[in-house]
Amino acid sequence: MSKYNYLSVVVALVLILPTIVWIVLDHGVWRGDPVGYAITALMLHKQWGLGFQAWLGTMFNGYKGPGIYWLGQCMVPVGQLLGNLNFAFLLIPVGALFLSIHYLYKSFVLLHQSKLVAFCGCLILVASPLLNGLVTGFWIEPLQVAIVSWFIYATCKAKDWGVDVTIAKLLIAFSLALLVKASSPLYILGSAATISYVILKQWSTLQVNRKFFFLLFIAFIVVFPTVVFYIYNYEAILRFAHFASTSPLFSSNIPRFDLWQQNVSSQLFQEPSFFLSVVVFFSGIILTLNRKQYNRLTGIFLLSVFQIALFFAAWQSSSNVDSRYFAPALPYFSALVCWALTAINVRLVTIITTCVFLLQFFLITGCSFVSLSPSSSYGNTRPFTVSPDNDMRVIQGVLSLITRDSAVIVDLSPELGVAEIQYELAKNNINGNWQNSCKDIGMFFNYNHQEIDTSTIQIDSVVNAIRSYHPDYYITWDSRRMPDMVKTEMQRIDRYNAVTIPARWAIAEKLAASQEYRIVNFPNQPKVLVFKRIEPRK
């Protein structure tokens, strides 16, 4: 390994070290999408023992890019070996962060001939509150950041690889991007076009020989499953993409431009570092124009501006305001800051900027280790949990009621979904019956292609379906017995979950009046309401 590559590896390892320590120490409750990805990965791993056909059917069925749980199934044996499944899964986003730093450092050294500028660019990534929170959860976006970082590197190196190697790498990388998430091409379109232009310029040098066909075969190994997955699931993928980007359940009343500024200044950056970055960026532009160095406004500058503008246009047209979508654009913001530092070409400015991001990195790290008091100003950063918190104690109480052949229905949203309980149950017995012995109340709602509408939830129909299921326990919050809490609950949580709140209260009221269930005490949790079936389930 050359000294050049060695430095990028060292920088990446040093910067991800706090995150590695974090994922070793944390024993908190996983929530939201990461739990769903983990459960799907566990199901895929479980299918290994049921035969190739069952495994293949699960592998190529879905409505989201399958990359994270295709990788996740391979980490299950690692988690079993280490006795820490959370740690094994989180090695995937941490590994993605390592690759992001590695490729960006090499890219910035090539572009700016400065290790200090390259180090500053990498600090921008690890000091981001948004990315910090995503890497310490089993999220897709860190993989997208790694893909974007590679494409930036590829735009710098493609002309040196040779046309045959570049074609193979482009096919593989673009396929991986689609496997990670269907929206990934949005973040790499400019880079992919640039690399394709390099291929066209060098096309006359292409030699159709054994090496070329071997490289195409390697690319085919990745391209083929990607194509098969998208052809087989294209209707479900398009339906979900339309729902996620147009549903008012994910919207906000805050003006879009204000949300954009808020996400960039407090999620990708922090306000002091954002203000400094803006000053540095515009200073770089002014100096470039004054010096008439117009050629500096091409290359990485033009690519980054184009990609950020493209993302902004797409984000503006979508109703979804989730800040996670900003994460894959972060490498381009980092590239612009590095470009500006090179344009200014004053070492003191570079040192000050690096120190500001280094301080932010320490603050974000301190917040995640609870050395500093967590606050909303630290974005998605999550403090780690060493000992079981109250939510984990509730989960453990639910687990004590579940047997292999039991039927338990859980309605503990929004604090705890059934996936969180299933995941903790699966960690105790990976090959057990965890996906069937505990179900979410939402399984009995008549949703229509992800869309949730309270008016379509027929309470009597849901209650009859619950009775037909013959659950041993129906577990919910004690507040479900207080009608005046409905509006309070709807105001407290996000729109997506708020829609079903009235139905949850109505179902609890029906069960309380039923002669088939009685209310029993839940261990040391007065806020939990447990309905137990009076007659044994047949």
Protein backbone atom coordinates (compact mmCIF):
# COMPACT_ATOMS: atom_id res chain seq x y z
CA MET A 1 0.00 0.00 0.00
CA SER A 2 1.40 3.38 -1.01
CA LYS A 3 1.93 6.17 1.48
CA TYR A 4 -0.86 8.05 -0.27
CA ASN A 5 -3.41 5.28 0.40
CA TYR A 6 -2.00 4.68 3.85
CA LEU A 7 -2.76 8.25 4.92
CA SER A 8 -6.38 8.04 3.77
CA VAL A 9 -6.86 4.80 5.73
CA VAL A 10 -5.28 6.27 8.87
CA VAL A 11 -7.43 9.41 8.69
CA ALA A 12 -10.56 7.30 8.20
CA LEU A 13 -9.73 4.98 11.10
CA VAL A 14 -8.96 7.86 13.48
CA LEU A 15 -12.16 9.70 12.63
CA ILE A 16 -14.46 6.67 12.98
CA LEU A 17 -12.84 5.46 16.23
CA PRO A 18 -15.33 7.30 18.51
CA THR A 19 -18.22 5.79 16.55
CA ILE A 20 -16.80 2.29 16.95
CA VAL A 21 -16.55 2.83 20.70
CA TRP A 22 -20.12 4.15 20.69
CA ILE A 23 -21.62 1.11 18.97
CA VAL A 24 -19.77 -1.19 21.39
CA LEU A 25 -21.16 0.59 24.45
CA ASP A 26 -24.73 1.34 23.34
CA HIS A 27 -27.57 -0.94 24.43
CA GLY A 28 -30.47 1.36 23.61
CA VAL A 29 -33.76 0.50 21.93
CA TRP A 30 -33.68 0.63 18.14
CA ARG A 31 -36.60 2.45 16.53
CA GLY A 32 -38.18 3.13 13.17
CA ASP A 33 -36.79 1.96 9.84
CA PRO A 34 -33.52 0.50 11.25
CA VAL A 35 -35.56 -2.09 13.18
CA GLY A 36 -37.42 -3.03 10.01
CA TYR A 37 -34.15 -3.46 8.11
CA ALA A 38 -32.69 -5.55 10.93
CA ILE A 39 -35.76 -7.80 11.09
CA THR A 40 -35.71 -8.30 7.31
CA ALA A 41 -32.02 -9.21 7.51
CA LEU A 42 -32.81 -11.70 10.28
CA MET A 43 -35.62 -13.19 8.21
CA LEU A 44 -33.24 -13.61 5.26
CA HIS A 45 -30.71 -15.31 7.52
CA LYS A 46 -33.46 -17.56 8.88
CA GLN A 47 -34.43 -18.54 5.33
CA TRP A 48 -30.98 -20.05 4.85
CA GLY A 49 -32.11 -23.06 6.86
CA LEU A 50 -35.43 -23.39 5.00
CA GLY A 51 -34.02 -23.96 1.56
CA PHE A 52 -32.65 -21.98 -1.37
CA GLN A 53 -36.06 -21.29 -2.95
CA ALA A 54 -37.50 -19.78 0.23
CA TRP A 55 -34.39 -17.64 0.70
CA LEU A 56 -34.40 -16.48 -2.93
CA GLY A 57 -38.09 -15.54 -2.74
CA THR A 58 -37.45 -13.34 0.28
CA MET A 59 -34.29 -11.83 -1.24
CA PHE A 60 -36.02 -10.58 -4.38
CA ASN A 61 -39.26 -9.36 -2.90
CA GLY A 62 -39.68 -5.80 -1.64
CA TYR A 63 -40.53 -2.19 -2.33
CA LYS A 64 -37.24 -0.58 -1.21
CA GLY A 65 -33.65 -1.01 -2.29
CA PRO A 66 -32.58 -4.31 -0.68
CA GLY A 67 -28.88 -3.54 -0.22
CA ILE A 68 -28.90 -2.93 3.52
CA TYR A 69 -30.64 -6.15 4.43
CA TRP A 70 -28.75 -8.17 1.83
CA LEU A 71 -25.63 -7.03 3.64
CA GLY A 72 -27.32 -7.37 7.01
CA GLN A 73 -28.01 -11.09 6.63
CA CYS A 74 -24.26 -11.65 6.33
CA MET A 75 -23.68 -9.86 9.63
CA VAL A 76 -26.07 -12.07 11.63
CA PRO A 77 -23.45 -14.84 12.12
CA VAL A 78 -20.95 -12.15 13.17
CA GLY A 79 -23.43 -10.87 15.74
CA GLN A 80 -24.01 -14.40 17.05
CA LEU A 81 -20.28 -14.96 17.33
CA LEU A 82 -19.71 -11.68 19.18
CA GLY A 83 -22.88 -11.92 21.24
CA ASN A 84 -23.90 -8.43 20.08
CA LEU A 85 -26.24 -8.28 17.09
CA ASN A 86 -26.60 -4.49 17.26
CA PHE A 87 -22.83 -4.06 16.96
CA ALA A 88 -22.64 -6.43 13.98
CA PHE A 89 -25.38 -4.59 12.08
CA LEU A 90 -23.89 -1.18 12.86
CA LEU A 91 -20.57 -2.24 11.35
CA ILE A 92 -22.31 -1.65 7.98
CA PRO A 93 -22.97 2.12 8.36
CA VAL A 94 -19.66 2.55 10.21
CA GLY A 95 -17.90 0.75 7.34
CA ALA A 96 -19.72 3.06 4.93
CA LEU A 97 -18.44 6.09 6.86
CA PHE A 98 -14.91 4.67 6.69
CA LEU A 99 -15.16 4.32 2.90
CA SER A 100 -16.63 7.81 2.57
CA ILE A 101 -13.72 9.38 4.43
CA HIS A 102 -11.21 7.20 2.59
CA TYR A 103 -12.46 8.18 -0.87
CA LEU A 104 -13.06 11.84 -0.09
CA TYR A 105 -9.61 12.26 1.45
CA LYS A 106 -8.00 10.77 -1.67
CA SER A 107 -10.23 12.90 -3.92
CA PHE A 108 -9.44 16.16 -2.13
CA VAL A 109 -5.71 15.45 -2.09
CA LEU A 110 -5.83 14.84 -5.85
CA LEU A 111 -7.91 17.96 -6.46
CA HIS A 112 -6.23 20.41 -4.11
CA GLN A 113 -2.76 18.97 -3.45
CA SER A 114 -3.21 19.67 0.27
CA LYS A 115 -3.52 17.12 3.06
CA LEU A 116 -4.83 19.80 5.42
CA VAL A 117 -7.65 20.77 3.03
CA ALA A 118 -8.46 17.07 2.54
CA PHE A 119 -8.55 16.50 6.31
CA CYS A 120 -10.86 19.50 6.73
CA GLY A 121 -13.21 18.07 4.10
CA CYS A 122 -13.37 14.75 5.94
CA LEU A 123 -14.02 16.56 9.24
CA ILE A 124 -17.10 18.16 7.67
CA LEU A 125 -18.52 14.66 7.24
CA VAL A 126 -17.86 13.30 10.73
CA ALA A 127 -18.82 16.59 12.43
CA SER A 128 -22.28 16.54 10.85
CA PRO A 129 -24.99 15.94 13.50
CA LEU A 130 -27.23 14.36 10.87
CA LEU A 131 -24.65 11.87 9.62
CA ASN A 132 -23.53 11.13 13.18
CA GLY A 133 -27.07 10.12 14.11
CA LEU A 134 -27.53 8.04 10.96
CA VAL A 135 -24.24 6.14 11.34
CA THR A 136 -25.12 5.17 14.93
CA GLY A 137 -28.36 3.67 13.63
CA PHE A 138 -28.94 0.97 11.03
CA TRP A 139 -29.87 3.52 8.35
CA ILE A 140 -29.50 3.40 4.56
CA GLU A 141 -28.18 6.92 4.09
CA PRO A 142 -24.55 6.28 5.22
CA LEU A 143 -24.33 3.76 2.36
CA GLN A 144 -25.56 6.45 -0.02
CA VAL A 145 -22.91 8.85 1.31
CA ALA A 146 -20.26 6.20 0.57
CA ILE A 147 -21.60 5.75 -2.97
CA VAL A 148 -21.52 9.52 -3.59
CA SER A 149 -17.98 9.73 -2.18
CA TRP A 150 -16.82 6.97 -4.51
CA PHE A 151 -18.35 8.72 -7.52
CA ILE A 152 -16.53 11.94 -6.60
CA TYR A 153 -13.30 9.94 -6.43
CA ALA A 154 -14.10 8.23 -9.73
CA THR A 155 -14.50 11.58 -11.51
CA CYS A 156 -10.93 12.37 -10.41
CA LYS A 157 -9.42 9.01 -11.41
CA ALA A 158 -11.48 7.68 -14.33
CA LYS A 159 -9.11 9.04 -16.97
CA ASP A 160 -6.26 7.01 -15.41
CA TRP A 161 -8.06 3.67 -15.10
CA GLY A 162 -8.45 2.72 -18.73
CA VAL A 163 -11.76 2.54 -20.56
CA ASP A 164 -12.41 -1.16 -19.85
CA VAL A 165 -11.88 -0.80 -16.09
CA THR A 166 -13.91 2.42 -15.99
CA ILE A 167 -16.88 0.77 -17.75
CA ALA A 168 -16.87 -2.15 -15.31
CA LYS A 169 -16.53 0.08 -12.25
CA LEU A 170 -19.29 2.42 -13.42
CA LEU A 171 -21.70 -0.47 -14.02
CA ILE A 172 -20.94 -1.99 -10.62
CA ALA A 173 -21.13 1.30 -8.72
CA PHE A 174 -24.38 2.40 -10.39
CA SER A 175 -25.95 -1.00 -9.67
CA LEU A 176 -24.84 -0.83 -6.04
CA ALA A 177 -26.33 2.66 -5.82
CA LEU A 178 -29.70 1.30 -6.96
CA LEU A 179 -29.47 -1.62 -4.56
CA VAL A 180 -28.85 0.79 -1.71
CA LYS A 181 -31.85 3.01 -2.54
CA ALA A 182 -33.98 3.79 -5.58
CA SER A 183 -33.33 7.52 -5.15
CA SER A 184 -29.52 7.16 -5.25
CA PRO A 185 -29.14 8.14 -8.95
CA LEU A 186 -30.39 11.62 -8.00
CA TYR A 187 -27.17 12.20 -6.04
CA ILE A 188 -24.72 10.78 -8.60
CA LEU A 189 -26.18 11.85 -11.94
CA GLY A 190 -23.55 14.54 -12.58
CA SER A 191 -20.67 12.27 -11.57
CA ALA A 192 -22.01 9.38 -13.66
CA ALA A 193 -22.34 11.70 -16.68
CA THR A 194 -18.78 12.95 -16.18
CA ILE A 195 -17.41 9.41 -15.99
CA SER A 196 -19.44 8.41 -19.06
CA TYR A 197 -17.93 11.37 -20.95
CA VAL A 198 -14.45 10.12 -20.04
CA ILE A 199 -15.39 6.67 -21.38
CA LEU A 200 -16.60 8.15 -24.67
CA LYS A 201 -13.39 10.19 -25.07
CA GLN A 202 -11.27 7.06 -24.52
CA TRP A 203 -13.55 4.70 -26.46
CA SER A 204 -11.09 4.36 -29.34
CA THR A 205 -8.53 2.88 -26.93
CA LEU A 206 -10.86 0.06 -25.84
CA GLN A 207 -9.41 -3.38 -26.47
CA VAL A 208 -11.98 -6.17 -26.71
CA ASN A 209 -9.99 -9.01 -25.19
CA ARG A 210 -10.15 -11.55 -22.36
CA LYS A 211 -9.56 -8.89 -19.73
CA PHE A 212 -12.49 -6.83 -21.02
CA PHE A 213 -14.87 -9.81 -21.00
CA PHE A 214 -13.67 -10.82 -17.55
CA LEU A 215 -14.39 -7.32 -16.23
CA LEU A 216 -17.84 -7.39 -17.85
CA PHE A 217 -18.52 -10.75 -16.19
CA ILE A 218 -17.58 -9.29 -12.78
CA ALA A 219 -19.91 -6.35 -13.45
CA PHE A 220 -22.66 -8.73 -14.56
CA ILE A 221 -22.56 -10.46 -11.14
CA VAL A 222 -23.74 -7.18 -9.57
CA VAL A 223 -25.85 -5.79 -12.43
CA PHE A 224 -27.95 -8.92 -12.96
CA PRO A 225 -29.49 -9.22 -9.45
CA THR A 226 -30.12 -5.47 -9.46
CA VAL A 227 -32.02 -5.64 -12.74
CA VAL A 228 -33.96 -8.72 -11.60
CA PHE A 229 -34.99 -7.06 -8.32
CA TYR A 230 -36.21 -3.88 -10.01
CA ILE A 231 -38.03 -5.66 -12.82
CA TYR A 232 -39.78 -8.01 -10.39
CA ASN A 233 -40.77 -5.25 -7.94
CA TYR A 234 -41.03 -2.16 -10.12
CA GLU A 235 -44.76 -1.61 -9.43
CA ALA A 236 -44.32 -1.81 -5.64
CA ILE A 237 -41.19 0.39 -5.82
CA LEU A 238 -42.93 3.07 -7.90
CA ARG A 239 -46.00 2.96 -5.67
CA PHE A 240 -43.95 3.42 -2.52
CA ALA A 241 -41.79 6.14 -4.09
CA HIS A 242 -44.93 8.04 -5.09
CA PHE A 243 -46.40 7.64 -1.62
CA ALA A 244 -43.21 8.70 0.17
CA SER A 245 -42.72 11.78 -2.01
CA THR A 246 -46.31 13.01 -2.28
CA SER A 247 -48.15 11.97 0.89
CA PRO A 248 -49.14 14.92 3.12
CA LEU A 249 -48.36 12.66 6.10
CA PHE A 250 -44.67 13.51 5.63
CA SER A 251 -45.13 17.22 4.96
CA SER A 252 -44.69 20.27 7.16
CA ASN A 253 -46.34 23.67 7.55
CA ILE A 254 -42.94 25.39 7.65
CA PRO A 255 -42.06 27.15 4.34
CA ARG A 256 -39.85 24.94 2.17
CA PHE A 257 -36.98 27.39 1.86
CA ASP A 258 -36.90 27.85 5.65
CA LEU A 259 -36.78 24.07 6.05
CA TRP A 260 -33.95 23.85 3.52
CA GLN A 261 -31.91 26.44 5.39
CA GLN A 262 -32.71 24.79 8.72
CA ASN A 263 -31.63 21.33 7.53
CA VAL A 264 -28.40 22.58 5.99
CA SER A 265 -27.41 24.94 8.82
CA SER A 266 -28.34 22.75 11.80
CA GLN A 267 -28.37 19.17 10.50
CA LEU A 268 -25.59 18.96 7.91
CA PHE A 269 -23.65 21.67 9.75
CA GLN A 270 -24.03 23.61 12.98
CA GLU A 271 -24.78 27.33 12.82
CA PRO A 272 -21.21 28.59 13.55
CA SER A 273 -19.60 26.19 11.07
CA PHE A 274 -22.33 26.89 8.51
CA PHE A 275 -21.82 30.65 8.78
CA LEU A 276 -18.05 30.21 8.40
CA SER A 277 -18.55 27.88 5.41
CA VAL A 278 -20.79 30.43 3.68
CA VAL A 279 -18.23 33.19 4.26
CA VAL A 280 -15.40 30.96 2.99
CA PHE A 281 -17.41 29.86 -0.06
CA PHE A 282 -18.38 33.33 -1.23
CA SER A 283 -14.89 34.64 -0.47
CA GLY A 284 -13.54 31.92 -2.75
CA ILE A 285 -15.93 32.93 -5.54
CA ILE A 286 -15.15 36.64 -5.20
CA LEU A 287 -11.39 36.05 -5.24
CA THR A 288 -11.72 33.68 -8.21
CA LEU A 289 -13.65 36.29 -10.20
CA ASN A 290 -11.31 39.12 -9.20
CA ARG A 291 -8.30 37.09 -10.29
CA LYS A 292 -10.13 36.09 -13.50
CA GLN A 293 -9.38 32.43 -12.77
CA TYR A 294 -12.58 31.32 -14.47
CA ASN A 295 -11.28 27.82 -15.08
CA ARG A 296 -11.65 27.22 -11.32
CA LEU A 297 -15.43 27.43 -11.76
CA THR A 298 -15.46 24.09 -13.57
CA GLY A 299 -14.58 20.58 -12.40
CA ILE A 300 -15.50 19.74 -8.82
CA PHE A 301 -17.04 23.19 -8.30
CA LEU A 302 -19.46 22.84 -11.20
CA LEU A 303 -20.24 19.21 -10.34
CA SER A 304 -21.01 20.02 -6.70
CA VAL A 305 -23.16 23.06 -7.52
CA PHE A 306 -25.07 21.03 -10.12
CA GLN A 307 -25.72 18.13 -7.72
CA ILE A 308 -26.82 20.38 -4.87
CA ALA A 309 -29.11 22.33 -7.24
CA LEU A 310 -30.54 19.08 -8.62
CA PHE A 311 -31.20 17.76 -5.12
CA PHE A 312 -32.77 21.08 -4.12
CA ALA A 313 -35.12 20.99 -7.12
CA ALA A 314 -36.15 17.40 -6.37
CA TRP A 315 -36.60 18.14 -2.67
CA GLN A 316 -38.70 21.21 -3.44
CA SER A 317 -41.06 19.15 -5.60
CA SER A 318 -41.50 16.49 -2.90
CA SER A 319 -43.84 16.78 0.06
CA ASN A 320 -41.49 14.72 2.23
CA VAL A 321 -39.43 16.89 4.60
CA ASP A 322 -37.37 14.15 6.28
CA SER A 323 -33.89 15.55 6.96
CA ARG A 324 -32.28 12.16 6.16
CA TYR A 325 -32.50 12.93 2.45
CA PHE A 326 -29.91 15.68 2.93
CA ALA A 327 -27.18 13.28 4.07
CA PRO A 328 -26.09 11.99 0.60
CA ALA A 329 -25.61 15.63 -0.52
CA LEU A 330 -23.13 16.29 2.30
CA PRO A 331 -20.00 15.25 0.30
CA TYR A 332 -20.82 17.94 -2.26
CA PHE A 333 -21.09 20.62 0.44
CA SER A 334 -17.75 19.39 1.77
CA ALA A 335 -16.26 19.56 -1.72
CA LEU A 336 -17.38 23.19 -2.12
CA VAL A 337 -15.79 24.22 1.18
CA CYS A 338 -12.53 22.53 0.17
CA TRP A 339 -12.69 24.19 -3.24
CA ALA A 340 -13.16 27.60 -1.59
CA LEU A 341 -10.23 27.05 0.79
CA THR A 342 -8.01 26.28 -2.20
CA ALA A 343 -9.33 29.31 -4.09
CA ILE A 344 -8.58 31.61 -1.13
CA ASN A 345 -5.18 29.93 -0.73
CA VAL A 346 -4.43 31.38 2.72
CA ARG A 347 -3.12 28.73 5.10
CA LEU A 348 -4.41 30.57 8.19
CA VAL A 349 -7.96 30.48 6.80
CA THR A 350 -7.63 26.74 6.18
CA ILE A 351 -6.32 26.19 9.72
CA ILE A 352 -9.15 28.23 11.29
CA THR A 353 -11.79 26.41 9.25
CA THR A 354 -10.28 23.04 10.15
CA CYS A 355 -10.21 23.98 13.85
CA VAL A 356 -13.88 25.05 13.77
CA PHE A 357 -14.96 21.71 12.31
CA LEU A 358 -12.63 19.86 14.66
CA LEU A 359 -14.28 21.61 17.62
CA GLN A 360 -17.71 20.72 16.23
CA PHE A 361 -16.56 17.11 15.87
CA PHE A 362 -15.56 17.08 19.56
CA LEU A 363 -18.89 18.65 20.58
CA ILE A 364 -20.95 16.17 18.57
CA THR A 365 -18.89 13.27 19.89
CA GLY A 366 -19.24 14.59 23.44
CA CYS A 367 -23.00 14.82 23.00
CA SER A 368 -23.25 11.25 21.72
CA PHE A 369 -21.26 10.05 24.75
CA VAL A 370 -23.44 12.14 27.10
CA SER A 371 -20.41 14.14 28.16
CA LEU A 372 -22.46 17.15 27.09
CA SER A 373 -26.17 17.63 27.71
CA PRO A 374 -28.09 16.50 24.62
CA SER A 375 -30.24 19.21 23.04
CA SER A 376 -32.16 19.81 19.86
CA SER A 377 -29.25 21.89 18.55
CA TYR A 378 -27.27 18.67 18.04
CA GLY A 379 -29.66 17.37 15.39
CA ASN A 380 -29.92 13.61 15.01
CA THR A 381 -27.07 12.85 17.42
CA ARG A 382 -28.08 10.07 19.81
CA PRO A 383 -26.62 9.61 23.32
CA PHE A 384 -25.77 5.97 23.91
CA THR A 385 -27.60 3.88 26.52
CA VAL A 386 -25.58 1.60 28.79
CA SER A 387 -28.30 0.23 31.08
CA PRO A 388 -31.93 -0.57 30.12
CA ASP A 389 -34.13 2.53 30.05
CA ASN A 390 -37.88 2.54 30.70
CA ASP A 391 -38.75 1.61 27.11
CA MET A 392 -36.45 -1.38 27.28
CA ARG A 393 -38.05 -2.43 30.58
CA VAL A 394 -41.48 -2.28 28.90
CA ILE A 395 -40.15 -4.44 26.08
CA GLN A 396 -38.71 -6.95 28.55
CA GLY A 397 -42.08 -7.06 30.31
CA VAL A 398 -43.83 -7.79 27.00
CA LEU A 399 -41.28 -10.49 26.19
CA SER A 400 -42.08 -12.21 29.49
CA LEU A 401 -45.66 -12.70 28.26
CA ILE A 402 -44.69 -14.17 24.90
CA THR A 403 -44.20 -17.88 24.31
CA ARG A 404 -43.39 -19.66 21.07
CA ASP A 405 -47.05 -20.44 20.34
CA SER A 406 -48.59 -17.31 21.86
CA ALA A 407 -50.56 -14.66 20.00
CA VAL A 408 -49.92 -11.16 21.32
CA ILE A 409 -51.14 -7.91 19.76
CA VAL A 410 -49.23 -4.74 20.65
CA ASP A 411 -50.38 -1.13 20.38
CA LEU A 412 -47.63 0.89 22.05
CA SER A 413 -47.08 3.39 19.26
CA PRO A 414 -45.57 5.86 18.89
CA GLU A 415 -43.15 5.14 21.74
CA LEU A 416 -42.71 1.47 20.82
CA GLY A 417 -43.72 -0.34 17.67
CA VAL A 418 -44.07 -4.08 17.47
CA ALA A 419 -40.90 -4.24 15.35
CA GLU A 420 -38.86 -3.08 18.35
CA ILE A 421 -40.32 -5.93 20.41
CA GLN A 422 -39.90 -8.48 17.64
CA TYR A 423 -36.28 -7.47 17.21
CA GLU A 424 -35.46 -7.89 20.91
CA LEU A 425 -37.32 -11.21 20.85
CA ALA A 426 -35.35 -12.33 17.80
CA LYS A 427 -32.03 -11.43 19.46
CA ASN A 428 -32.87 -13.96 22.18
CA ASN A 429 -33.78 -16.67 19.66
CA ILE A 430 -32.88 -15.87 16.06
CA ASN A 431 -34.47 -19.04 14.70
CA GLY A 432 -37.61 -18.73 16.84
CA ASN A 433 -41.20 -17.79 16.00
CA TRP A 434 -40.73 -14.07 16.78
CA GLN A 435 -42.41 -12.72 13.64
CA ASN A 436 -45.68 -14.58 14.32
CA SER A 437 -46.02 -14.67 18.10
CA CYS A 438 -46.26 -10.86 18.38
CA LYS A 439 -48.16 -8.63 15.94
CA ASP A 440 -48.86 -4.92 15.62
CA ILE A 441 -52.40 -3.57 15.78
CA GLY A 442 -51.71 -1.96 12.41
CA MET A 443 -51.78 -5.46 10.86
CA PHE A 444 -55.57 -5.40 11.37
CA PHE A 445 -56.13 -1.94 9.85
CA ASN A 446 -57.27 -1.93 6.23
CA TYR A 447 -54.48 0.19 4.76
CA ASN A 448 -54.42 0.90 1.04
CA HIS A 449 -50.93 0.72 -0.46
CA GLN A 450 -49.20 2.45 2.48
CA GLU A 451 -51.78 5.25 2.53
CA ILE A 452 -53.39 5.66 5.95
CA ASP A 453 -56.82 7.21 6.28
CA THR A 454 -58.76 7.07 9.55
CA SER A 455 -62.06 7.12 7.68
CA THR A 456 -61.20 3.80 6.02
CA ILE A 457 -60.42 2.05 9.32
CA GLN A 458 -63.66 0.28 10.22
CA ILE A 459 -63.49 -0.21 13.99
CA ASP A 460 -66.01 -3.08 14.19
CA SER A 461 -64.23 -4.89 11.39
CA VAL A 462 -60.87 -4.47 13.14
CA VAL A 463 -62.25 -5.69 16.47
CA ASN A 464 -63.84 -8.73 14.79
CA ALA A 465 -60.51 -9.50 13.12
CA ILE A 466 -58.78 -9.27 16.51
CA ARG A 467 -61.33 -11.63 18.06
CA SER A 468 -60.87 -14.07 15.18
CA TYR A 469 -57.14 -13.97 15.79
CA HIS A 470 -57.79 -15.00 19.42
CA PRO A 471 -54.87 -13.09 20.98
CA ASP A 472 -53.72 -14.18 24.43
CA TYR A 473 -52.89 -10.54 25.23
CA TYR A 474 -53.68 -7.13 23.82
CA ILE A 475 -51.12 -4.63 25.15
CA THR A 476 -51.51 -0.86 24.90
CA TRP A 477 -51.06 2.32 26.96
CA ASP A 478 -53.32 3.07 29.91
CA SER A 479 -54.02 6.49 28.36
CA ARG A 480 -56.21 4.66 25.81
CA ARG A 481 -58.88 4.64 28.53
CA MET A 482 -58.90 8.44 28.67
CA PRO A 483 -60.88 9.94 25.73
CA ASP A 484 -59.63 13.46 26.44
CA MET A 485 -56.07 12.30 25.66
CA VAL A 486 -56.78 11.68 21.98
CA LYS A 487 -56.23 15.27 20.82
CA THR A 488 -53.19 15.65 23.09
CA GLU A 489 -51.64 12.53 21.60
CA MET A 490 -52.33 13.64 18.02
CA GLN A 491 -50.61 16.98 18.65
CA ARG A 492 -47.62 15.34 20.30
CA ILE A 493 -46.58 12.93 17.58
CA ASP A 494 -45.85 13.06 13.86
CA ARG A 495 -48.62 13.20 11.26
CA TYR A 496 -47.98 9.66 10.02
CA ASN A 497 -48.79 8.06 13.38
CA ALA A 498 -51.34 10.70 14.44
CA VAL A 499 -53.78 9.62 11.72
CA THR A 500 -54.52 6.27 13.40
CA ILE A 501 -54.77 7.58 16.98
CA PRO A 502 -58.61 7.91 17.10
CA ALA A 503 -58.94 4.31 15.86
CA ARG A 504 -56.54 3.01 18.53
CA TRP A 505 -58.57 4.66 21.28
CA ALA A 506 -61.83 3.28 19.86
CA ILE A 507 -60.45 -0.26 19.70
CA ALA A 508 -59.23 -0.12 23.30
CA GLU A 509 -62.68 1.10 24.35
CA LYS A 510 -64.34 -1.81 22.54
CA LEU A 511 -62.05 -4.36 24.18
CA ALA A 512 -62.60 -2.83 27.63
CA ALA A 513 -66.35 -3.37 27.18
CA SER A 514 -65.85 -6.88 25.87
CA GLN A 515 -66.64 -9.94 28.01
CA GLU A 516 -63.78 -11.88 26.41
CA TYR A 517 -60.93 -9.96 28.05
CA ARG A 518 -60.02 -8.73 31.49
CA ILE A 519 -57.45 -6.13 32.49
CA VAL A 520 -54.39 -7.47 34.35
CA ASN A 521 -51.42 -5.74 35.94
CA PHE A 522 -48.27 -5.28 33.92
CA PRO A 523 -45.01 -5.76 35.88
CA ASN A 524 -43.98 -2.44 37.46
CA GLN A 525 -45.48 -0.42 34.57
CA PRO A 526 -48.70 1.35 35.61
CA LYS A 527 -48.82 3.22 32.26
CA VAL A 528 -49.21 -0.05 30.34
CA LEU A 529 -52.69 -1.51 29.87
CA VAL A 530 -52.91 -5.28 29.35
CA PHE A 531 -56.03 -7.11 28.21
CA LYS A 532 -55.79 -10.85 28.87
CA ARG A 533 -58.05 -13.35 27.18
CA ILE A 534 -60.35 -14.95 29.76
CA GLU A 535 -60.82 -18.27 27.98
CA PRO A 536 -57.76 -20.21 26.78
CA ARG A 537 -57.10 -19.87 23.06
CA LYS A 538 -58.25 -22.91 21.09
